[in-house]
Amino acid sequence: MSTAPIPWGILLFILLILGCVAVVGLMKLYALIYNFHCSCPVCLAGKTAVVTGGSQGLGYEIALALASRGCKIIIATRRPNEALREELVRKTHNPNIFLEYVDLESFKSVRKFAETIKEKEEVIDILIFNAGFGADEDILTEDGMNYVLQTNYFSSFLLVHLLIDCKGRSTNRRTPGMLKRGIRHNWRILCRRCSKIQTMRCS
């Protein structure tokens, strides 16, 4: 009893699926070998970094990378979680990781956070704004501002203004201050690849 041959359409579909799986596998292998290996010798021991939105996603990875280089990390988040701190300490063997509460939809909360940081820290060497929010509705905050604009822009600007003295004291002619802001608006993500970003994770 002979079996009917597989139709060309089904065969091509199977080959297409297998090809996609192979491409994805090769891309992951390439990323594992090249993108996540760091040969950069920079040590950040003695430096202090504030990372907003560092409890998950890209912010978490940034905090993890900085802490692995010996940097003191202050994660600004709406949901301080001791389990998160313990996880980062365990992965990096860096006990200088702290979580502070801040709600970027409230200017009052941002001011209180800045006061707390200035009371505890003399110098802020690195300030990273990762927290962001996207929404199509015109939601207003308690300050009467658009939720997205206040969370993503105005609160970040206010925090820079409040902490600028701490940042200024940490700079000199050899290590000038630098401010970079990542932007996420709804489904659009604007980014630029550079060699320094590619070497964030240390071996």
Protein backbone atom coordinates (compact mmCIF):
# COMPACT_ATOMS: atom_id res chain seq x y z
CA MET A 1 0.00 0.00 0.00
CA SER A 2 1.64 3.25 -1.16
CA THR A 3 1.37 6.52 0.73
CA ALA A 4 0.40 9.76 -0.98
CA PRO A 5 3.27 12.24 -1.44
CA ILE A 6 3.33 15.32 0.75
CA PRO A 7 1.90 18.33 -1.11
CA TRP A 8 4.45 20.96 -2.09
CA GLY A 9 2.59 23.62 -0.15
CA ILE A 10 2.82 21.73 3.14
CA LEU A 11 6.46 20.82 2.49
CA LEU A 12 7.39 24.46 1.83
CA PHE A 13 5.53 25.52 4.98
CA ILE A 14 7.46 22.98 7.08
CA LEU A 15 10.77 24.12 5.55
CA LEU A 16 9.85 27.75 6.28
CA ILE A 17 9.14 26.97 9.94
CA LEU A 18 12.40 25.04 10.29
CA GLY A 19 14.29 27.90 8.65
CA CYS A 20 12.79 30.44 11.04
CA VAL A 21 13.70 28.28 14.03
CA ALA A 22 17.26 27.95 12.74
CA VAL A 23 17.60 31.72 12.21
CA VAL A 24 16.29 32.51 15.70
CA GLY A 25 18.64 29.94 17.20
CA LEU A 26 21.64 31.40 15.37
CA MET A 27 20.69 34.93 16.45
CA LYS A 28 20.48 33.87 20.09
CA LEU A 29 23.82 32.07 19.80
CA TYR A 30 25.41 35.17 18.27
CA ALA A 31 24.01 37.38 21.05
CA LEU A 32 25.24 34.98 23.70
CA ILE A 33 28.76 34.85 22.26
CA TYR A 34 29.31 38.46 21.21
CA ASN A 35 26.80 40.91 22.69
CA PHE A 36 26.79 39.75 26.31
CA HIS A 37 30.50 39.37 26.84
CA CYS A 38 32.40 42.31 28.25
CA SER A 39 36.14 42.78 27.99
CA CYS A 40 35.94 46.34 29.31
CA PRO A 41 38.18 46.72 32.40
CA VAL A 42 36.32 49.75 33.84
CA CYS A 43 35.72 49.43 37.59
CA LEU A 44 32.98 51.53 39.20
CA ALA A 45 33.90 50.88 42.83
CA GLY A 46 33.40 54.07 44.82
CA LYS A 47 30.82 55.42 42.37
CA THR A 48 27.13 55.92 43.16
CA ALA A 49 24.34 55.45 40.62
CA VAL A 50 20.62 56.21 40.81
CA VAL A 51 18.46 54.15 38.44
CA THR A 52 14.74 54.82 38.04
CA GLY A 53 12.64 51.86 37.01
CA GLY A 54 15.41 49.49 38.00
CA SER A 55 13.16 46.78 39.40
CA GLN A 56 12.50 45.05 36.08
CA GLY A 57 13.33 44.92 32.40
CA LEU A 58 16.12 47.06 31.01
CA GLY A 59 16.44 49.02 34.24
CA TYR A 60 17.06 45.80 36.15
CA GLU A 61 19.77 44.75 33.68
CA ILE A 62 21.42 48.18 33.95
CA ALA A 63 21.41 47.99 37.74
CA LEU A 64 22.80 44.45 37.56
CA ALA A 65 25.60 45.48 35.19
CA LEU A 66 26.60 48.52 37.25
CA ALA A 67 26.48 46.61 40.53
CA SER A 68 28.64 43.84 39.06
CA ARG A 69 31.34 46.48 38.52
CA GLY A 70 31.28 47.51 42.16
CA CYS A 71 29.05 50.55 41.81
CA LYS A 72 26.75 51.57 44.65
CA ILE A 73 23.20 51.33 43.29
CA ILE A 74 20.09 53.21 44.43
CA ILE A 75 17.03 51.85 42.64
CA ALA A 76 14.16 54.34 42.54
CA THR A 77 10.89 52.43 42.27
CA ARG A 78 7.23 52.58 43.21
CA ARG A 79 7.44 49.06 44.60
CA PRO A 80 10.50 48.62 46.84
CA ASN A 81 11.03 44.90 47.23
CA GLU A 82 13.62 43.46 49.59
CA ALA A 83 13.59 40.22 47.60
CA LEU A 84 14.80 42.19 44.57
CA ARG A 85 17.70 43.64 46.54
CA GLU A 86 18.66 40.21 47.86
CA GLU A 87 18.60 38.81 44.33
CA LEU A 88 20.89 41.55 42.99
CA VAL A 89 23.28 41.17 45.94
CA ARG A 90 23.40 37.42 45.40
CA LYS A 91 24.15 37.78 41.68
CA THR A 92 26.75 40.54 41.98
CA HIS A 93 28.18 39.95 45.48
CA ASN A 94 27.77 43.69 45.96
CA PRO A 95 26.02 44.63 49.24
CA ASN A 96 25.80 48.33 48.29
CA ILE A 97 22.41 48.04 46.61
CA PHE A 98 19.47 49.97 48.01
CA LEU A 99 15.85 50.60 47.07
CA GLU A 100 14.07 53.92 47.60
CA TYR A 101 10.43 54.74 46.98
CA VAL A 102 9.47 57.31 44.36
CA ASP A 103 6.32 57.84 42.31
CA LEU A 104 7.12 59.77 39.15
CA GLU A 105 3.48 60.71 38.66
CA SER A 106 3.75 62.91 41.76
CA PHE A 107 6.03 65.95 41.97
CA LYS A 108 5.70 65.80 45.74
CA SER A 109 7.07 62.25 45.74
CA VAL A 110 9.94 63.26 43.44
CA ARG A 111 10.90 66.14 45.74
CA LYS A 112 10.78 63.89 48.79
CA PHE A 113 12.93 61.29 47.03
CA ALA A 114 15.49 63.95 46.09
CA GLU A 115 15.63 65.17 49.70
CA THR A 116 16.22 61.61 50.90
CA ILE A 117 19.04 61.08 48.41
CA LYS A 118 20.73 64.39 49.28
CA GLU A 119 20.57 63.55 52.98
CA LYS A 120 22.19 60.15 52.46
CA GLU A 121 24.58 60.80 49.56
CA GLU A 122 27.13 63.53 49.02
CA VAL A 123 27.79 62.65 45.39
CA ILE A 124 25.72 61.10 42.60
CA ASP A 125 28.04 59.97 39.82
CA ILE A 126 25.49 58.32 37.53
CA LEU A 127 21.80 59.16 37.07
CA ILE A 128 19.84 56.89 34.74
CA PHE A 129 16.19 57.48 33.84
CA ASN A 130 14.71 54.17 32.76
CA ALA A 131 11.18 54.40 34.19
CA GLY A 132 8.57 55.16 31.56
CA PHE A 133 4.90 54.82 30.82
CA GLY A 134 2.87 54.64 27.63
CA ALA A 135 -0.87 55.21 27.21
CA ASP A 136 -3.21 56.55 24.55
CA GLU A 137 -5.73 57.96 27.03
CA ASP A 138 -5.38 61.51 28.34
CA ILE A 139 -4.98 60.52 32.00
CA LEU A 140 -4.22 63.33 34.47
CA THR A 141 -2.03 63.05 37.55
CA GLU A 142 -2.70 64.60 40.95
CA ASP A 143 -0.71 67.60 39.71
CA GLY A 144 -3.08 68.07 36.78
CA MET A 145 -0.50 67.01 34.21
CA ASN A 146 -0.76 64.43 31.45
CA TYR A 147 0.29 61.09 32.97
CA VAL A 148 2.72 60.14 30.20
CA LEU A 149 4.38 63.55 29.98
CA GLN A 150 4.81 63.88 33.73
CA THR A 151 6.13 60.35 34.24
CA ASN A 152 8.45 60.27 31.24
CA TYR A 153 9.65 63.87 31.04
CA PHE A 154 8.65 66.45 33.65
CA SER A 155 9.48 64.34 36.71
CA SER A 156 12.82 63.36 35.18
CA PHE A 157 13.65 67.01 34.52
CA LEU A 158 12.61 67.94 38.06
CA LEU A 159 14.79 65.20 39.56
CA VAL A 160 17.81 66.35 37.53
CA HIS A 161 17.21 69.91 38.70
CA LEU A 162 16.98 68.82 42.34
CA LEU A 163 20.07 66.59 42.21
CA ILE A 164 22.24 68.74 39.95
CA ASP A 165 24.42 69.88 42.85
CA CYS A 166 25.23 66.27 43.76
CA LYS A 167 26.10 65.53 40.14
CA GLY A 168 28.19 68.68 39.80
CA ARG A 169 30.42 67.80 42.73
CA SER A 170 31.29 64.46 41.16
CA THR A 171 32.68 65.90 37.92
CA ASN A 172 35.99 67.42 36.93
CA ARG A 173 37.94 68.15 33.78
CA ARG A 174 39.04 64.53 33.37
CA THR A 175 35.63 63.00 34.13
CA PRO A 176 33.00 65.48 32.89
CA GLY A 177 29.34 64.96 33.69
CA MET A 178 27.05 63.56 31.04
CA LEU A 179 23.27 63.31 30.89
CA LYS A 180 21.54 60.86 28.59
CA ARG A 181 17.83 60.15 28.49
CA GLY A 182 16.27 57.06 26.97
CA ILE A 183 12.81 57.67 25.47
CA ARG A 184 9.97 55.18 25.23
CA HIS A 185 6.70 56.46 23.84
CA ASN A 186 3.90 53.91 23.41
CA TRP A 187 5.12 51.27 20.95
CA ARG A 188 8.07 53.26 19.63
CA ILE A 189 11.50 52.66 21.09
CA LEU A 190 14.28 55.02 20.04
CA CYS A 191 17.78 53.72 20.59
CA ARG A 192 21.32 54.01 19.30
CA ARG A 193 23.82 51.18 19.38
CA CYS A 194 27.31 51.98 20.56
CA SER A 195 30.28 49.93 21.65
CA LYS A 196 29.95 51.02 25.28
CA ILE A 197 26.34 49.85 25.48
CA GLN A 198 27.30 46.52 23.92
CA THR A 199 29.89 45.93 26.65
CA MET A 200 27.66 46.49 29.67
CA ARG A 201 27.80 42.95 31.04
CA CYS A 202 31.08 41.81 32.55
CA SER A 203 32.31 38.21 32.48
